[in-house]
Structures are given as structure tokens and as C-alpha cells.
């Protein structure tokens, strides 16, 4: 992991990780740095965009057996989705790599009966066969390897949201924090899950 690699190369620095969604409380809780995927617009925080996360389409084998596998991006619109942070429908831009190496883009609207703000609940619902999910590869990889999920349209991707590093606006950035942030930004630039 990025944290383990950073700590091995910087043995003089200590980190405390809090995996919660309370981004707005960074300053009140004495937290120096938060990571957020999605939109960022908070006057109390300073944000640094690190990259953009890509997502792919996945379904359970049961869902595909019952309702078929979409063969083109357009056929996704007739399928049920498990949506993340969208109310009832989601407008997406699907990029698809072609055989000649070019990329085409299509604007689609996908719909679903279940919407959640928790990515783990979303993936569990997709595994349970409630719909197709648009998931980051780092989340779906183990479920694909276990046969719980199947990639749908593997050449198609959707930009899922920006990854932001955020700090309280009134906090002076220590050299340790700056070193971690620069290290994290470098790893994101190198990682295939992100587009910088």
C-alpha cells in the first residue's frame, strides 16, 4: 500500500489513519489530511486534485444468467443498475476502446431502484444480483477473482470522480505532511486506476 511504502521510506514519520466519511470535520478533529473522491467545494478546506478515478461495469453471474450480458454501451440503458450517490438515474459518459486503438465516447442514462452512498453496500448489492454496478477496479478485483462478479463491456470505462487531497485551510502544512502529499501525488500519477 501507499501508506506502508511511505512509512518504510520515511521511518521518522508517524501516521494515524481514520477511515471515515467525516471530511468536513478535519479541522475540528485535528486531522491534517483527508482524501475524497468526487466533487470538492468547501471553503473551509484547501484541495489538491491528485487524479481522476476510472470505473468499469460489473455484474454478478446470476444477473447475467437472468437478464443477459450487455453487448454494447447503448444496451446498458435497458438494464438495472445499483447506483452510487445518484437519485434514480445517472448520466454518464462511457469511453470505449476500439480495435484500431481509438476511443469513442457515448452519453448514456442508466437507471436503478437502489441508490447508496456507500461503495461497499453498492458492491454487495451488485454481487447479490440486484443490478449492474459501475465500480472502481480496486474494489471489484477480488470479487472478480472469486467468481462473484463478471466484467461487463471490459473495454468501456467511465471517469468516476476526482481524487482530492484536502487540508484544513487554517493549518500550516508541516514538512512531514508535505512529504506524504507529494509521495501520494507521485503514486497516483503512476497508478493505472487514475487519469492525471
N, C-alpha and C. Protein backbone atom coordinates (compact mmCIF):
# COMPACT_ATOMS: atom_id res chain seq x y z
N UNK A 1 0.83 -1.19 0.00
CA UNK A 1 0.00 0.00 0.00
C UNK A 1 0.87 1.24 0.00
N UNK A 2 0.28 2.36 -0.37
CA UNK A 2 1.00 3.62 -0.42
C UNK A 2 1.46 4.01 0.98
N UNK A 3 0.62 3.82 1.97
CA UNK A 3 0.97 4.19 3.34
C UNK A 3 2.16 3.37 3.83
N UNK A 4 2.13 2.06 3.60
CA UNK A 4 3.23 1.20 4.05
C UNK A 4 4.52 1.59 3.34
N UNK A 5 4.46 1.85 2.04
CA UNK A 5 5.65 2.22 1.29
C UNK A 5 6.22 3.55 1.80
N UNK A 6 5.33 4.51 2.05
CA UNK A 6 5.79 5.80 2.56
C UNK A 6 6.45 5.64 3.93
N UNK A 7 5.85 4.86 4.81
CA UNK A 7 6.40 4.70 6.16
C UNK A 7 7.74 3.96 6.13
N UNK A 8 7.91 3.05 5.20
CA UNK A 8 9.19 2.35 5.08
C UNK A 8 10.29 3.28 4.60
N UNK A 9 9.95 4.22 3.72
CA UNK A 9 10.96 5.14 3.21
C UNK A 9 11.14 6.37 4.10
N UNK A 10 10.22 6.58 5.05
CA UNK A 10 10.29 7.72 5.98
C UNK A 10 10.10 7.21 7.41
N UNK A 11 11.06 6.48 7.96
CA UNK A 11 10.87 5.86 9.28
C UNK A 11 10.73 6.86 10.43
N UNK A 12 11.07 8.11 10.21
CA UNK A 12 10.97 9.11 11.26
C UNK A 12 9.57 9.71 11.38
N UNK A 13 8.66 9.39 10.45
CA UNK A 13 7.32 9.96 10.43
C UNK A 13 6.31 8.94 10.92
N UNK A 14 5.39 9.39 11.79
CA UNK A 14 4.30 8.55 12.28
C UNK A 14 2.99 9.01 11.65
N UNK A 15 2.12 8.08 11.33
CA UNK A 15 0.81 8.39 10.76
C UNK A 15 -0.28 7.76 11.60
N UNK A 16 -1.41 8.42 11.65
CA UNK A 16 -2.62 7.84 12.25
C UNK A 16 -3.71 7.93 11.19
N UNK A 17 -4.29 6.79 10.81
CA UNK A 17 -5.30 6.74 9.76
C UNK A 17 -6.68 6.57 10.37
N UNK A 18 -7.63 7.38 9.91
CA UNK A 18 -9.03 7.30 10.34
C UNK A 18 -9.86 7.13 9.08
N UNK A 19 -10.43 5.95 8.88
CA UNK A 19 -11.20 5.66 7.68
C UNK A 19 -12.67 5.95 7.93
N UNK A 20 -13.05 7.21 7.74
CA UNK A 20 -14.44 7.61 7.94
C UNK A 20 -14.81 8.61 6.86
N UNK A 21 -16.05 8.99 6.82
CA UNK A 21 -16.52 9.92 5.80
C UNK A 21 -16.72 11.33 6.31
N UNK A 22 -16.11 11.69 7.44
CA UNK A 22 -16.35 12.98 8.06
C UNK A 22 -15.37 14.04 7.58
N UNK A 23 -15.38 14.29 6.29
CA UNK A 23 -14.40 15.20 5.70
C UNK A 23 -14.55 16.62 6.23
N UNK A 24 -15.76 17.07 6.46
CA UNK A 24 -15.98 18.45 6.90
C UNK A 24 -15.47 18.74 8.29
N UNK A 25 -15.12 17.72 9.06
CA UNK A 25 -14.68 17.91 10.44
C UNK A 25 -13.17 17.82 10.60
N UNK A 26 -12.42 17.94 9.52
CA UNK A 26 -10.97 17.79 9.59
C UNK A 26 -10.36 18.72 10.62
N UNK A 27 -10.63 20.00 10.51
CA UNK A 27 -10.02 20.99 11.41
C UNK A 27 -10.41 20.80 12.85
N UNK A 28 -11.69 20.48 13.11
CA UNK A 28 -12.16 20.32 14.49
C UNK A 28 -11.55 19.11 15.17
N UNK A 29 -11.21 18.09 14.40
CA UNK A 29 -10.69 16.86 14.99
C UNK A 29 -9.17 16.78 14.96
N UNK A 30 -8.51 17.84 14.52
CA UNK A 30 -7.05 17.84 14.49
C UNK A 30 -6.47 16.95 13.40
N UNK A 31 -7.24 16.68 12.37
CA UNK A 31 -6.78 15.83 11.26
C UNK A 31 -6.10 16.73 10.23
N UNK A 32 -4.92 16.31 9.78
CA UNK A 32 -4.14 17.13 8.87
C UNK A 32 -4.51 16.97 7.40
N UNK A 33 -4.96 15.77 7.01
CA UNK A 33 -5.18 15.49 5.60
C UNK A 33 -6.35 14.53 5.43
N UNK A 34 -7.20 14.81 4.47
CA UNK A 34 -8.29 13.90 4.11
C UNK A 34 -8.22 13.61 2.62
N UNK A 35 -8.76 12.47 2.23
CA UNK A 35 -8.86 12.11 0.82
C UNK A 35 -10.33 11.99 0.46
N UNK A 36 -10.69 12.52 -0.68
CA UNK A 36 -12.09 12.50 -1.11
C UNK A 36 -12.15 12.17 -2.59
N UNK A 37 -13.10 11.32 -2.96
CA UNK A 37 -13.37 11.06 -4.37
C UNK A 37 -14.71 11.70 -4.69
N UNK A 38 -14.74 12.52 -5.71
CA UNK A 38 -15.98 13.17 -6.11
C UNK A 38 -15.78 14.67 -6.23
N UNK A 39 -16.88 15.40 -6.09
CA UNK A 39 -16.82 16.85 -6.19
C UNK A 39 -16.20 17.42 -4.92
N UNK A 40 -15.51 18.53 -5.06
CA UNK A 40 -14.94 19.20 -3.90
C UNK A 40 -15.25 20.68 -3.99
N UNK A 41 -15.94 21.18 -2.98
CA UNK A 41 -16.25 22.60 -2.93
C UNK A 41 -16.55 22.94 -1.47
N UNK A 42 -15.51 23.22 -0.71
CA UNK A 42 -15.65 23.51 0.71
C UNK A 42 -14.71 24.66 1.05
N UNK A 43 -15.27 25.79 1.44
CA UNK A 43 -14.47 26.98 1.73
C UNK A 43 -13.56 26.79 2.94
N UNK A 44 -13.87 25.82 3.80
CA UNK A 44 -13.06 25.60 4.99
C UNK A 44 -11.87 24.68 4.75
N UNK A 45 -11.76 24.15 3.53
CA UNK A 45 -10.70 23.20 3.21
C UNK A 45 -9.94 23.66 1.97
N UNK A 46 -8.68 23.29 1.91
CA UNK A 46 -7.87 23.53 0.73
C UNK A 46 -7.70 22.19 0.02
N UNK A 47 -7.99 22.14 -1.28
CA UNK A 47 -7.94 20.89 -2.02
C UNK A 47 -6.85 20.87 -3.07
N UNK A 48 -6.25 19.71 -3.23
CA UNK A 48 -5.30 19.46 -4.31
C UNK A 48 -5.78 18.26 -5.08
N UNK A 49 -6.10 18.48 -6.36
CA UNK A 49 -6.59 17.38 -7.20
C UNK A 49 -5.41 16.49 -7.55
N UNK A 50 -5.53 15.20 -7.21
CA UNK A 50 -4.45 14.25 -7.47
C UNK A 50 -4.65 13.49 -8.77
N UNK A 51 -5.87 13.24 -9.15
CA UNK A 51 -6.14 12.49 -10.37
C UNK A 51 -7.61 12.15 -10.45
N UNK A 52 -7.97 11.42 -11.48
CA UNK A 52 -9.35 11.02 -11.67
C UNK A 52 -9.44 9.50 -11.72
N UNK A 53 -10.36 8.96 -10.93
CA UNK A 53 -10.54 7.53 -10.82
C UNK A 53 -11.44 7.03 -11.94
N UNK A 54 -11.04 5.93 -12.56
CA UNK A 54 -11.86 5.31 -13.59
C UNK A 54 -12.65 4.15 -13.01
N UNK A 55 -13.83 3.90 -13.54
CA UNK A 55 -14.66 2.78 -13.11
C UNK A 55 -15.08 1.97 -14.33
N UNK A 56 -15.40 0.70 -14.07
CA UNK A 56 -15.85 -0.21 -15.12
C UNK A 56 -17.17 -0.85 -14.69
N UNK A 57 -17.80 -1.52 -15.64
CA UNK A 57 -19.09 -2.14 -15.38
C UNK A 57 -18.90 -3.59 -14.95
N UNK A 58 -19.64 -3.99 -13.90
CA UNK A 58 -19.59 -5.36 -13.38
C UNK A 58 -21.01 -5.83 -13.07
N UNK A 59 -21.20 -7.13 -13.18
CA UNK A 59 -22.48 -7.75 -12.81
C UNK A 59 -22.18 -9.11 -12.19
N UNK A 60 -23.15 -9.65 -11.48
CA UNK A 60 -22.98 -10.99 -10.94
C UNK A 60 -23.29 -12.02 -12.02
N UNK A 61 -22.72 -13.21 -11.91
CA UNK A 61 -23.08 -14.27 -12.87
C UNK A 61 -24.58 -14.55 -12.87
N UNK A 62 -25.23 -14.45 -11.69
CA UNK A 62 -26.67 -14.66 -11.60
C UNK A 62 -27.44 -13.61 -12.40
N UNK A 63 -27.03 -12.34 -12.28
CA UNK A 63 -27.70 -11.28 -13.03
C UNK A 63 -27.58 -11.53 -14.53
N UNK A 64 -26.39 -11.88 -14.98
CA UNK A 64 -26.17 -12.14 -16.41
C UNK A 64 -26.98 -13.34 -16.88
N UNK A 65 -27.07 -14.40 -16.06
CA UNK A 65 -27.86 -15.58 -16.43
C UNK A 65 -29.34 -15.23 -16.56
N UNK A 66 -29.84 -14.35 -15.71
CA UNK A 66 -31.26 -13.98 -15.73
C UNK A 66 -31.59 -12.95 -16.81
N UNK A 67 -30.72 -11.94 -16.96
CA UNK A 67 -31.09 -10.79 -17.79
C UNK A 67 -30.16 -10.56 -18.97
N UNK A 68 -29.14 -11.37 -19.11
CA UNK A 68 -28.24 -11.24 -20.26
C UNK A 68 -27.12 -10.25 -20.02
N UNK A 69 -26.11 -10.38 -20.85
CA UNK A 69 -24.94 -9.51 -20.76
C UNK A 69 -25.07 -8.41 -21.81
N UNK A 70 -24.97 -7.15 -21.41
CA UNK A 70 -24.98 -6.07 -22.40
C UNK A 70 -23.82 -6.23 -23.38
N UNK A 71 -24.09 -6.07 -24.66
CA UNK A 71 -23.06 -6.24 -25.68
C UNK A 71 -22.53 -4.91 -26.21
N UNK A 72 -23.27 -3.84 -25.99
CA UNK A 72 -22.84 -2.50 -26.43
C UNK A 72 -23.16 -1.52 -25.31
N UNK A 73 -22.48 -0.37 -25.28
CA UNK A 73 -22.82 0.62 -24.26
C UNK A 73 -24.29 1.03 -24.28
N UNK A 74 -24.87 1.13 -25.47
CA UNK A 74 -26.28 1.56 -25.55
C UNK A 74 -27.22 0.58 -24.86
N UNK A 75 -26.91 -0.71 -24.88
CA UNK A 75 -27.80 -1.69 -24.25
C UNK A 75 -27.75 -1.60 -22.72
N UNK A 76 -26.76 -0.91 -22.17
CA UNK A 76 -26.73 -0.70 -20.71
C UNK A 76 -27.97 0.05 -20.24
N UNK A 77 -28.53 0.89 -21.10
CA UNK A 77 -29.67 1.72 -20.70
C UNK A 77 -30.93 0.92 -20.44
N UNK A 78 -30.99 -0.33 -20.91
CA UNK A 78 -32.17 -1.16 -20.66
C UNK A 78 -31.98 -2.09 -19.46
N UNK A 79 -30.86 -1.96 -18.76
CA UNK A 79 -30.57 -2.81 -17.61
C UNK A 79 -30.75 -2.05 -16.31
N UNK A 80 -30.93 -2.82 -15.23
CA UNK A 80 -30.99 -2.25 -13.89
C UNK A 80 -29.58 -2.00 -13.39
N UNK A 81 -29.39 -0.89 -12.68
CA UNK A 81 -28.11 -0.55 -12.07
C UNK A 81 -28.27 -0.40 -10.57
N UNK A 82 -27.20 -0.65 -9.86
CA UNK A 82 -27.10 -0.25 -8.46
C UNK A 82 -26.27 1.03 -8.50
N UNK A 83 -26.90 2.15 -8.16
CA UNK A 83 -26.30 3.46 -8.35
C UNK A 83 -25.57 3.94 -7.10
N UNK A 84 -24.57 4.74 -7.32
CA UNK A 84 -23.80 5.32 -6.22
C UNK A 84 -24.01 6.82 -6.21
N UNK A 85 -24.61 7.31 -5.16
CA UNK A 85 -24.83 8.75 -4.93
C UNK A 85 -25.59 9.45 -6.06
N UNK A 86 -26.51 8.74 -6.68
CA UNK A 86 -27.35 9.35 -7.71
C UNK A 86 -28.79 9.00 -7.39
N UNK A 87 -29.68 9.91 -7.66
CA UNK A 87 -31.09 9.67 -7.37
C UNK A 87 -31.79 9.10 -8.61
N UNK A 88 -32.08 7.82 -8.60
CA UNK A 88 -32.91 7.12 -9.58
C UNK A 88 -32.28 6.98 -10.97
N UNK A 89 -31.47 7.93 -11.41
CA UNK A 89 -30.81 7.77 -12.70
C UNK A 89 -29.46 8.46 -12.67
N UNK A 90 -28.63 8.07 -13.59
CA UNK A 90 -27.27 8.54 -13.60
C UNK A 90 -26.87 8.83 -15.05
N UNK A 91 -26.45 10.06 -15.32
CA UNK A 91 -26.00 10.44 -16.65
C UNK A 91 -24.49 10.23 -16.69
N UNK A 92 -24.04 9.39 -17.59
CA UNK A 92 -22.62 9.03 -17.63
C UNK A 92 -22.07 9.18 -19.04
N UNK A 93 -20.76 9.36 -19.12
CA UNK A 93 -20.06 9.34 -20.39
C UNK A 93 -19.20 8.09 -20.41
N UNK A 94 -19.49 7.22 -21.36
CA UNK A 94 -18.77 5.95 -21.48
C UNK A 94 -17.72 6.09 -22.57
N UNK A 95 -16.47 5.80 -22.20
CA UNK A 95 -15.38 5.77 -23.18
C UNK A 95 -15.10 4.31 -23.51
N UNK A 96 -15.04 4.00 -24.81
CA UNK A 96 -14.80 2.61 -25.21
C UNK A 96 -13.65 2.55 -26.20
N UNK A 97 -12.67 1.70 -25.86
CA UNK A 97 -11.51 1.50 -26.73
C UNK A 97 -11.91 0.64 -27.91
N UNK A 98 -11.56 1.07 -29.11
CA UNK A 98 -11.88 0.35 -30.33
C UNK A 98 -10.70 -0.53 -30.76
N UNK A 99 -10.96 -1.44 -31.69
CA UNK A 99 -9.93 -2.37 -32.15
C UNK A 99 -8.73 -1.65 -32.77
N UNK A 100 -8.96 -0.49 -33.37
CA UNK A 100 -7.87 0.25 -34.01
C UNK A 100 -7.09 1.13 -33.02
N UNK A 101 -7.46 1.06 -31.73
CA UNK A 101 -6.77 1.85 -30.72
C UNK A 101 -7.42 3.18 -30.41
N UNK A 102 -8.39 3.59 -31.22
CA UNK A 102 -9.08 4.85 -30.96
C UNK A 102 -10.10 4.66 -29.83
N UNK A 103 -10.63 5.76 -29.35
CA UNK A 103 -11.61 5.73 -28.27
C UNK A 103 -12.86 6.49 -28.72
N UNK A 104 -14.03 5.89 -28.50
CA UNK A 104 -15.29 6.57 -28.76
C UNK A 104 -15.95 6.90 -27.43
N UNK A 105 -16.74 7.96 -27.42
CA UNK A 105 -17.46 8.35 -26.22
C UNK A 105 -18.94 8.44 -26.50
N UNK A 106 -19.73 7.96 -25.54
CA UNK A 106 -21.18 7.99 -25.66
C UNK A 106 -21.78 8.53 -24.36
N UNK A 107 -22.78 9.38 -24.48
CA UNK A 107 -23.53 9.87 -23.33
C UNK A 107 -24.71 8.93 -23.11
N UNK A 108 -24.82 8.37 -21.90
CA UNK A 108 -25.89 7.43 -21.60
C UNK A 108 -26.58 7.81 -20.30
N UNK A 109 -27.79 7.32 -20.15
CA UNK A 109 -28.51 7.45 -18.89
C UNK A 109 -28.82 6.05 -18.41
N UNK A 110 -28.35 5.71 -17.23
CA UNK A 110 -28.65 4.40 -16.64
C UNK A 110 -29.53 4.61 -15.43
N UNK A 111 -30.37 3.61 -15.14
CA UNK A 111 -31.36 3.74 -14.07
C UNK A 111 -31.26 2.57 -13.11
N UNK A 112 -31.70 2.80 -11.89
CA UNK A 112 -31.72 1.72 -10.92
C UNK A 112 -32.68 2.00 -9.79
N UNK A 113 -33.08 0.93 -9.12
CA UNK A 113 -34.00 1.07 -7.99
C UNK A 113 -33.27 1.28 -6.68
N UNK A 114 -31.98 0.90 -6.62
CA UNK A 114 -31.21 1.04 -5.39
C UNK A 114 -30.10 2.05 -5.60
N UNK A 115 -30.08 3.06 -4.75
CA UNK A 115 -29.02 4.06 -4.72
C UNK A 115 -28.43 4.08 -3.32
N UNK A 116 -27.10 4.14 -3.24
CA UNK A 116 -26.45 4.17 -1.94
C UNK A 116 -25.28 5.14 -1.97
N UNK A 117 -24.89 5.62 -0.80
CA UNK A 117 -23.70 6.47 -0.71
C UNK A 117 -22.53 5.68 -0.13
N UNK A 118 -22.66 4.36 -0.07
CA UNK A 118 -21.60 3.50 0.46
C UNK A 118 -21.17 2.52 -0.62
N UNK A 119 -19.91 2.61 -1.01
CA UNK A 119 -19.41 1.79 -2.12
C UNK A 119 -19.43 0.30 -1.80
N UNK A 120 -19.22 -0.06 -0.53
CA UNK A 120 -19.24 -1.48 -0.16
C UNK A 120 -20.66 -2.05 -0.25
N UNK A 121 -21.66 -1.26 0.17
CA UNK A 121 -23.04 -1.70 0.02
C UNK A 121 -23.40 -1.82 -1.46
N UNK A 122 -22.94 -0.89 -2.26
CA UNK A 122 -23.18 -0.95 -3.69
C UNK A 122 -22.62 -2.26 -4.26
N UNK A 123 -21.38 -2.57 -3.94
CA UNK A 123 -20.77 -3.79 -4.49
C UNK A 123 -21.48 -5.03 -3.98
N UNK A 124 -21.86 -5.06 -2.70
CA UNK A 124 -22.59 -6.21 -2.16
C UNK A 124 -23.91 -6.42 -2.91
N UNK A 125 -24.60 -5.32 -3.24
CA UNK A 125 -25.87 -5.42 -3.96
C UNK A 125 -25.65 -5.92 -5.39
N UNK A 126 -24.55 -5.51 -6.01
CA UNK A 126 -24.24 -6.00 -7.37
C UNK A 126 -23.92 -7.49 -7.30
N UNK A 127 -23.15 -7.92 -6.31
CA UNK A 127 -22.85 -9.35 -6.12
C UNK A 127 -24.13 -10.14 -5.90
N UNK A 128 -25.09 -9.54 -5.19
CA UNK A 128 -26.37 -10.21 -4.92
C UNK A 128 -27.28 -10.26 -6.14
N UNK A 129 -26.88 -9.63 -7.24
CA UNK A 129 -27.66 -9.71 -8.47
C UNK A 129 -28.72 -8.65 -8.64
N UNK A 130 -28.65 -7.55 -7.86
CA UNK A 130 -29.68 -6.52 -7.95
C UNK A 130 -29.50 -5.60 -9.15
N UNK A 131 -28.36 -5.65 -9.80
CA UNK A 131 -28.14 -4.80 -10.96
C UNK A 131 -26.68 -4.76 -11.33
N UNK A 132 -26.40 -4.03 -12.39
CA UNK A 132 -25.04 -3.80 -12.83
C UNK A 132 -24.46 -2.67 -11.99
N UNK A 133 -23.18 -2.75 -11.68
CA UNK A 133 -22.54 -1.69 -10.92
C UNK A 133 -21.40 -1.08 -11.69
N UNK A 134 -21.24 0.20 -11.52
CA UNK A 134 -20.11 0.93 -12.05
C UNK A 134 -19.14 1.08 -10.88
N UNK A 135 -18.06 0.26 -10.89
CA UNK A 135 -17.18 0.13 -9.73
C UNK A 135 -15.73 0.36 -10.12
N UNK A 136 -14.95 0.94 -9.21
CA UNK A 136 -13.50 1.02 -9.48
C UNK A 136 -12.88 -0.36 -9.43
N UNK A 137 -11.88 -0.59 -10.27
CA UNK A 137 -11.25 -1.90 -10.37
C UNK A 137 -10.65 -2.35 -9.05
N UNK A 138 -10.14 -1.41 -8.23
CA UNK A 138 -9.54 -1.83 -6.98
C UNK A 138 -10.55 -2.44 -6.03
N UNK A 139 -11.83 -2.07 -6.16
CA UNK A 139 -12.86 -2.67 -5.32
C UNK A 139 -13.32 -4.01 -5.87
N UNK A 140 -13.45 -4.10 -7.17
CA UNK A 140 -14.07 -5.28 -7.78
C UNK A 140 -13.09 -6.43 -8.01
N UNK A 141 -11.80 -6.18 -7.99
CA UNK A 141 -10.81 -7.18 -8.36
C UNK A 141 -10.92 -8.49 -7.63
N UNK A 142 -11.05 -8.45 -6.30
CA UNK A 142 -11.13 -9.69 -5.51
C UNK A 142 -12.42 -10.44 -5.82
N UNK A 143 -13.54 -9.72 -6.00
CA UNK A 143 -14.82 -10.37 -6.30
C UNK A 143 -14.79 -11.00 -7.70
N UNK A 144 -14.08 -10.39 -8.64
CA UNK A 144 -13.94 -10.98 -9.97
C UNK A 144 -13.11 -12.26 -9.87
N UNK A 145 -12.01 -12.20 -9.13
CA UNK A 145 -11.15 -13.38 -8.96
C UNK A 145 -11.90 -14.53 -8.27
N UNK A 146 -12.84 -14.20 -7.38
CA UNK A 146 -13.61 -15.21 -6.67
C UNK A 146 -14.82 -15.70 -7.46
N UNK A 147 -15.06 -15.13 -8.64
CA UNK A 147 -16.20 -15.54 -9.45
C UNK A 147 -17.51 -14.92 -9.03
N UNK A 148 -17.48 -13.92 -8.14
CA UNK A 148 -18.71 -13.26 -7.68
C UNK A 148 -19.17 -12.17 -8.63
N UNK A 149 -18.23 -11.59 -9.37
CA UNK A 149 -18.53 -10.54 -10.34
C UNK A 149 -17.88 -10.88 -11.67
N UNK A 150 -18.52 -10.38 -12.73
CA UNK A 150 -18.01 -10.58 -14.09
C UNK A 150 -17.91 -9.19 -14.72
N UNK A 151 -16.77 -8.87 -15.36
CA UNK A 151 -16.69 -7.60 -16.08
C UNK A 151 -17.70 -7.58 -17.23
N UNK A 152 -18.36 -6.46 -17.40
CA UNK A 152 -19.29 -6.24 -18.49
C UNK A 152 -18.69 -5.15 -19.38
N UNK A 153 -18.63 -5.39 -20.66
CA UNK A 153 -18.01 -4.44 -21.60
C UNK A 153 -16.62 -4.03 -21.09
N UNK A 154 -15.68 -4.97 -21.02
CA UNK A 154 -14.38 -4.68 -20.40
C UNK A 154 -13.57 -3.57 -21.07
N UNK A 155 -13.89 -3.21 -22.31
CA UNK A 155 -13.19 -2.11 -22.97
C UNK A 155 -13.81 -0.75 -22.68
N UNK A 156 -14.88 -0.73 -21.89
CA UNK A 156 -15.58 0.52 -21.60
C UNK A 156 -15.25 1.00 -20.18
N UNK A 157 -15.00 2.30 -20.06
CA UNK A 157 -14.73 2.90 -18.76
C UNK A 157 -15.53 4.18 -18.60
N UNK A 158 -15.69 4.58 -17.35
CA UNK A 158 -16.34 5.84 -17.01
C UNK A 158 -15.45 6.53 -15.99
N UNK A 159 -15.24 7.80 -16.17
CA UNK A 159 -14.49 8.55 -15.15
C UNK A 159 -15.38 8.71 -13.94
N UNK A 160 -14.94 8.15 -12.83
CA UNK A 160 -15.81 8.05 -11.66
C UNK A 160 -15.72 9.24 -10.72
N UNK A 161 -14.72 10.04 -10.82
CA UNK A 161 -14.62 11.20 -9.95
C UNK A 161 -13.18 11.54 -9.64
N UNK A 162 -12.97 12.79 -9.31
CA UNK A 162 -11.63 13.25 -8.98
C UNK A 162 -11.24 12.77 -7.59
N UNK A 163 -9.97 12.47 -7.43
CA UNK A 163 -9.40 12.19 -6.11
C UNK A 163 -8.76 13.47 -5.62
N UNK A 164 -9.21 13.94 -4.46
CA UNK A 164 -8.71 15.17 -3.86
C UNK A 164 -8.00 14.86 -2.56
N UNK A 165 -6.90 15.54 -2.33
CA UNK A 165 -6.27 15.60 -1.01
C UNK A 165 -6.68 16.94 -0.43
N UNK A 166 -7.26 16.93 0.77
CA UNK A 166 -7.77 18.17 1.36
C UNK A 166 -7.17 18.37 2.74
N UNK A 167 -6.92 19.63 3.04
CA UNK A 167 -6.38 20.01 4.35
C UNK A 167 -7.21 21.16 4.89
N UNK A 168 -7.28 21.30 6.22
CA UNK A 168 -7.96 22.47 6.79
C UNK A 168 -7.26 23.74 6.34
N UNK A 169 -8.03 24.77 5.99
CA UNK A 169 -7.45 25.98 5.43
C UNK A 169 -6.58 26.73 6.43
N UNK A 170 -6.83 26.56 7.72
CA UNK A 170 -6.06 27.32 8.70
C UNK A 170 -4.85 26.55 9.22
N UNK A 171 -4.59 25.40 8.68
CA UNK A 171 -3.49 24.57 9.16
C UNK A 171 -2.23 24.83 8.35
N UNK A 172 -1.12 25.06 9.07
CA UNK A 172 0.18 25.17 8.41
C UNK A 172 0.62 23.76 8.01
N UNK A 173 1.08 23.60 6.78
CA UNK A 173 1.46 22.28 6.31
C UNK A 173 2.89 21.96 6.76
N UNK A 174 3.01 20.96 7.60
CA UNK A 174 4.33 20.55 8.09
C UNK A 174 5.12 19.90 6.96
N UNK A 175 6.43 19.79 7.17
CA UNK A 175 7.27 19.15 6.16
C UNK A 175 6.90 17.67 6.02
N UNK A 176 6.50 17.02 7.12
CA UNK A 176 6.09 15.61 7.06
C UNK A 176 4.82 15.46 6.23
N UNK A 177 3.86 16.36 6.44
CA UNK A 177 2.61 16.30 5.68
C UNK A 177 2.88 16.59 4.20
N UNK A 178 3.72 17.57 3.92
CA UNK A 178 4.04 17.90 2.54
C UNK A 178 4.73 16.72 1.86
N UNK A 179 5.63 16.03 2.58
CA UNK A 179 6.32 14.87 2.02
C UNK A 179 5.33 13.76 1.69
N UNK A 180 4.36 13.51 2.59
CA UNK A 180 3.36 12.47 2.34
C UNK A 180 2.47 12.84 1.16
N UNK A 181 2.06 14.09 1.09
CA UNK A 181 1.19 14.53 0.00
C UNK A 181 1.91 14.43 -1.35
N UNK A 182 3.18 14.83 -1.40
CA UNK A 182 3.94 14.72 -2.64
C UNK A 182 4.14 13.25 -3.03
N UNK A 183 4.40 12.41 -2.06
CA UNK A 183 4.57 10.97 -2.29
C UNK A 183 3.27 10.38 -2.85
N UNK A 184 2.15 10.73 -2.24
CA UNK A 184 0.84 10.25 -2.69
C UNK A 184 0.54 10.71 -4.11
N UNK A 185 0.82 11.98 -4.41
CA UNK A 185 0.57 12.50 -5.75
C UNK A 185 1.40 11.76 -6.79
N UNK A 186 2.64 11.44 -6.46
CA UNK A 186 3.51 10.70 -7.38
C UNK A 186 2.97 9.30 -7.64
N UNK A 187 2.50 8.62 -6.59
CA UNK A 187 1.96 7.27 -6.76
C UNK A 187 0.67 7.26 -7.58
N UNK A 188 -0.16 8.27 -7.40
CA UNK A 188 -1.39 8.38 -8.18
C UNK A 188 -1.05 8.56 -9.66
N UNK A 189 -0.03 9.39 -9.96
CA UNK A 189 0.37 9.61 -11.36
C UNK A 189 0.82 8.31 -12.02
N UNK A 190 1.41 7.40 -11.23
CA UNK A 190 1.93 6.15 -11.77
C UNK A 190 0.90 5.03 -11.84
N UNK A 191 -0.24 5.22 -11.18
CA UNK A 191 -1.17 4.10 -11.00
C UNK A 191 -2.17 4.00 -12.14
N UNK A 192 -2.41 2.78 -12.66
CA UNK A 192 -3.31 2.63 -13.81
C UNK A 192 -4.77 2.91 -13.50
N UNK A 193 -5.18 2.97 -12.23
CA UNK A 193 -6.58 3.24 -11.91
C UNK A 193 -6.93 4.72 -12.07
N UNK A 194 -5.91 5.56 -12.19
CA UNK A 194 -6.15 7.01 -12.22
C UNK A 194 -5.70 7.62 -13.53
N UNK A 195 -6.39 8.68 -13.93
CA UNK A 195 -6.00 9.51 -15.05
C UNK A 195 -5.64 10.85 -14.45
N UNK A 196 -4.42 11.30 -14.67
CA UNK A 196 -3.99 12.58 -14.11
C UNK A 196 -4.32 13.68 -15.09
